Amino acid sequence: MLSIRSVWCLSAASLALGCSASWPEPKQPMADAEAASRSAREVGAEAQPAAKLQAQLADEQIAAAKERIAEGDNERATFLVVRARADAELALALANEQKALDAKQKAVEQSTSTLEANTPKATP
């Protein structure tokens, strides 16, 4: 006859096995990470070294997550995809920052040239 302790141990073991096998595949997080990576590249992450590095890290983590999904390790894949999305969003932010800095510099140069063109020259 099974003791209460044995029943509890069997219940805990079956619960643990059931929970570990039921981690869902991270389909939506994967799509979000891939979209963020694409967005970063479209905005110009390749032209800025720090953004390029973050986009590259995101792509590597997405590839690693796909390997984990193929192996059935959806839990680890989920964590990799979340990190990949964060890296891709950082790449996007860095690329947007560079575009904003470039636009600011262009505006300053245009403003300076307009000011110089409209300032009357002093004659001695």
C-alpha atoms as a PDB file:
ATOM      1  CA  MET A   1       0.000   0.000   0.000  1.00  0.00           C
ATOM      2  CA  LEU A   2       1.205   3.485  -0.793  1.00  0.00           C
ATOM      3  CA  SER A   3       1.965   5.767   2.071  1.00  0.00           C
ATOM      4  CA  ILE A   4       0.823   9.361   2.118  1.00  0.00           C
ATOM      5  CA  ARG A   5       4.421  10.442   1.636  1.00  0.00           C
ATOM      6  CA  SER A   6       4.714   8.332  -1.524  1.00  0.00           C
ATOM      7  CA  VAL A   7       1.478   9.770  -2.885  1.00  0.00           C
ATOM      8  CA  TRP A   8       2.724  13.308  -2.272  1.00  0.00           C
ATOM      9  CA  CYS A   9       6.067  12.564  -3.938  1.00  0.00           C
ATOM     10  CA  LEU A  10       4.376  11.029  -6.972  1.00  0.00           C
ATOM     11  CA  SER A  11       1.968  13.961  -7.195  1.00  0.00           C
ATOM     12  CA  ALA A  12       4.784  16.490  -6.986  1.00  0.00           C
ATOM     13  CA  ALA A  13       6.843  14.644  -9.592  1.00  0.00           C
ATOM     14  CA  SER A  14       3.957  14.384 -12.039  1.00  0.00           C
ATOM     15  CA  LEU A  15       3.105  18.037 -11.483  1.00  0.00           C
ATOM     16  CA  ALA A  16       6.702  19.046 -12.132  1.00  0.00           C
ATOM     17  CA  LEU A  17       6.867  16.984 -15.305  1.00  0.00           C
ATOM     18  CA  GLY A  18       3.537  18.298 -16.493  1.00  0.00           C
ATOM     19  CA  CYS A  19       4.528  21.925 -15.905  1.00  0.00           C
ATOM     20  CA  SER A  20       7.896  21.668 -17.598  1.00  0.00           C
ATOM     21  CA  ALA A  21       6.388  20.218 -20.763  1.00  0.00           C
ATOM     22  CA  SER A  22       3.626  22.793 -20.991  1.00  0.00           C
ATOM     23  CA  TRP A  23       5.672  25.933 -21.625  1.00  0.00           C
ATOM     24  CA  PRO A  24       4.144  27.485 -24.760  1.00  0.00           C
ATOM     25  CA  GLU A  25       6.136  28.222 -27.867  1.00  0.00           C
ATOM     26  CA  PRO A  26       6.969  31.966 -27.964  1.00  0.00           C
ATOM     27  CA  LYS A  27       5.341  32.704 -31.338  1.00  0.00           C
ATOM     28  CA  GLN A  28       4.212  36.279 -30.672  1.00  0.00           C
ATOM     29  CA  PRO A  29       7.387  37.288 -28.784  1.00  0.00           C
ATOM     30  CA  MET A  30       9.417  35.868 -31.689  1.00  0.00           C
ATOM     31  CA  ALA A  31       7.425  37.909 -34.199  1.00  0.00           C
ATOM     32  CA  ASP A  32       7.860  41.023 -32.039  1.00  0.00           C
ATOM     33  CA  ALA A  33      11.630  40.520 -31.797  1.00  0.00           C
ATOM     34  CA  GLU A  34      11.973  39.930 -35.535  1.00  0.00           C
ATOM     35  CA  ALA A  35       9.888  43.033 -36.290  1.00  0.00           C
ATOM     36  CA  ALA A  36      11.984  45.171 -33.952  1.00  0.00           C
ATOM     37  CA  SER A  37      15.171  43.896 -35.589  1.00  0.00           C
ATOM     38  CA  ARG A  38      13.826  44.669 -39.071  1.00  0.00           C
ATOM     39  CA  SER A  39      12.737  48.136 -37.956  1.00  0.00           C
ATOM     40  CA  ALA A  40      16.184  48.896 -36.587  1.00  0.00           C
ATOM     41  CA  ARG A  41      17.801  47.931 -39.879  1.00  0.00           C
ATOM     42  CA  GLU A  42      15.279  49.932 -41.908  1.00  0.00           C
ATOM     43  CA  VAL A  43      15.935  53.045 -39.813  1.00  0.00           C
ATOM     44  CA  GLY A  44      19.671  52.755 -40.408  1.00  0.00           C
ATOM     45  CA  ALA A  45      21.186  50.689 -37.611  1.00  0.00           C
ATOM     46  CA  GLU A  46      23.809  49.390 -40.035  1.00  0.00           C
ATOM     47  CA  ALA A  47      25.280  52.887 -40.396  1.00  0.00           C
ATOM     48  CA  GLN A  48      25.859  53.406 -36.670  1.00  0.00           C
ATOM     49  CA  PRO A  49      28.361  51.036 -34.979  1.00  0.00           C
ATOM     50  CA  ALA A  50      26.624  50.705 -31.589  1.00  0.00           C
ATOM     51  CA  ALA A  51      23.225  50.187 -33.214  1.00  0.00           C
ATOM     52  CA  LYS A  52      24.699  47.673 -35.651  1.00  0.00           C
ATOM     53  CA  LEU A  53      26.158  45.669 -32.764  1.00  0.00           C
ATOM     54  CA  GLN A  54      22.839  45.586 -30.912  1.00  0.00           C
ATOM     55  CA  ALA A  55      20.985  44.527 -34.064  1.00  0.00           C
ATOM     56  CA  GLN A  56      23.550  41.793 -34.632  1.00  0.00           C
ATOM     57  CA  LEU A  57      23.131  40.562 -31.039  1.00  0.00           C
ATOM     58  CA  ALA A  58      19.364  40.515 -31.498  1.00  0.00           C
ATOM     59  CA  ASP A  59      19.688  38.439 -34.672  1.00  0.00           C
ATOM     60  CA  GLU A  60      22.009  35.972 -32.935  1.00  0.00           C
ATOM     61  CA  GLN A  61      19.590  35.588 -30.035  1.00  0.00           C
ATOM     62  CA  ILE A  62      16.658  35.086 -32.397  1.00  0.00           C
ATOM     63  CA  ALA A  63      18.618  32.326 -34.151  1.00  0.00           C
ATOM     64  CA  ALA A  64      19.482  30.730 -30.784  1.00  0.00           C
ATOM     65  CA  ALA A  65      15.824  30.918 -29.742  1.00  0.00           C
ATOM     66  CA  LYS A  66      14.779  29.135 -32.938  1.00  0.00           C
ATOM     67  CA  GLU A  67      17.280  26.375 -32.133  1.00  0.00           C
ATOM     68  CA  ARG A  68      15.862  26.056 -28.621  1.00  0.00           C
ATOM     69  CA  ILE A  69      12.323  25.830 -30.008  1.00  0.00           C
ATOM     70  CA  ALA A  70      13.436  23.064 -32.358  1.00  0.00           C
ATOM     71  CA  GLU A  71      14.912  21.245 -29.344  1.00  0.00           C
ATOM     72  CA  GLY A  72      11.658  21.692 -27.418  1.00  0.00           C
ATOM     73  CA  ASP A  73      13.140  24.108 -24.856  1.00  0.00           C
ATOM     74  CA  ASN A  74      10.429  26.764 -25.150  1.00  0.00           C
ATOM     75  CA  GLU A  75      11.176  28.272 -21.754  1.00  0.00           C
ATOM     76  CA  ARG A  76      14.779  29.135 -22.669  1.00  0.00           C
ATOM     77  CA  ALA A  77      13.619  30.248 -26.123  1.00  0.00           C
ATOM     78  CA  THR A  78      11.186  32.691 -24.515  1.00  0.00           C
ATOM     79  CA  PHE A  79      13.940  34.277 -22.459  1.00  0.00           C
ATOM     80  CA  LEU A  80      16.207  34.534 -25.503  1.00  0.00           C
ATOM     81  CA  VAL A  81      13.450  36.161 -27.553  1.00  0.00           C
ATOM     82  CA  VAL A  82      12.700  38.706 -24.822  1.00  0.00           C
ATOM     83  CA  ARG A  83      16.370  39.641 -24.695  1.00  0.00           C
ATOM     84  CA  ALA A  84      16.549  39.775 -28.494  1.00  0.00           C
ATOM     85  CA  ARG A  85      13.621  42.182 -28.598  1.00  0.00           C
ATOM     86  CA  ALA A  86      15.277  44.415 -26.016  1.00  0.00           C
ATOM     87  CA  ASP A  87      18.516  44.467 -28.020  1.00  0.00           C
ATOM     88  CA  ALA A  88      16.637  45.184 -31.243  1.00  0.00           C
ATOM     89  CA  GLU A  89      14.715  48.034 -29.611  1.00  0.00           C
ATOM     90  CA  LEU A  90      17.991  49.456 -28.299  1.00  0.00           C
ATOM     91  CA  ALA A  91      19.419  49.274 -31.820  1.00  0.00           C
ATOM     92  CA  LEU A  92      16.330  51.097 -33.086  1.00  0.00           C
ATOM     93  CA  ALA A  93      16.696  53.800 -30.420  1.00  0.00           C
ATOM     94  CA  LEU A  94      20.391  54.262 -31.184  1.00  0.00           C
ATOM     95  CA  ALA A  95      19.697  54.523 -34.912  1.00  0.00           C
ATOM     96  CA  ASN A  96      16.905  57.052 -34.289  1.00  0.00           C
ATOM     97  CA  GLU A  97      19.231  59.036 -32.018  1.00  0.00           C
ATOM     98  CA  GLN A  98      21.842  59.197 -34.767  1.00  0.00           C
ATOM     99  CA  LYS A  99      19.241  60.351 -37.294  1.00  0.00           C
ATOM    100  CA  ALA A 100      18.097  63.063 -34.873  1.00  0.00           C
ATOM    101  CA  LEU A 101      21.676  64.221 -34.275  1.00  0.00           C
ATOM    102  CA  ASP A 102      22.285  64.367 -38.028  1.00  0.00           C
ATOM    103  CA  ALA A 103      19.091  66.372 -38.539  1.00  0.00           C
ATOM    104  CA  LYS A 104      20.075  68.746 -35.738  1.00  0.00           C
ATOM    105  CA  GLN A 105      23.511  69.313 -37.266  1.00  0.00           C
ATOM    106  CA  LYS A 106      21.960  69.989 -40.658  1.00  0.00           C
ATOM    107  CA  ALA A 107      19.512  72.486 -39.121  1.00  0.00           C
ATOM    108  CA  VAL A 108      22.336  74.284 -37.302  1.00  0.00           C
ATOM    109  CA  GLU A 109      24.360  74.542 -40.508  1.00  0.00           C
ATOM    110  CA  GLN A 110      21.340  75.798 -42.465  1.00  0.00           C
ATOM    111  CA  SER A 111      20.525  78.328 -39.760  1.00  0.00           C
ATOM    112  CA  THR A 112      24.108  79.574 -39.679  1.00  0.00           C
ATOM    113  CA  SER A 113      24.260  79.988 -43.450  1.00  0.00           C
ATOM    114  CA  THR A 114      20.903  81.803 -43.482  1.00  0.00           C
ATOM    115  CA  LEU A 115      22.055  84.117 -40.703  1.00  0.00           C
ATOM    116  CA  GLU A 116      25.299  84.892 -42.525  1.00  0.00           C
ATOM    117  CA  ALA A 117      23.446  85.560 -45.783  1.00  0.00           C
ATOM    118  CA  ASN A 118      20.981  87.948 -44.115  1.00  0.00           C
ATOM    119  CA  THR A 119      23.452  89.832 -41.946  1.00  0.00           C
ATOM    120  CA  PRO A 120      24.484  93.148 -43.515  1.00  0.00           C
ATOM    121  CA  LYS A 121      28.191  93.538 -44.058  1.00  0.00           C
ATOM    122  CA  ALA A 122      29.864  96.431 -42.315  1.00  0.00           C
ATOM    123  CA  THR A 123      31.675  98.783 -44.693  1.00  0.00           C
ATOM    124  CA  PRO A 124      34.737 100.675 -43.419  1.00  0.00           C
END
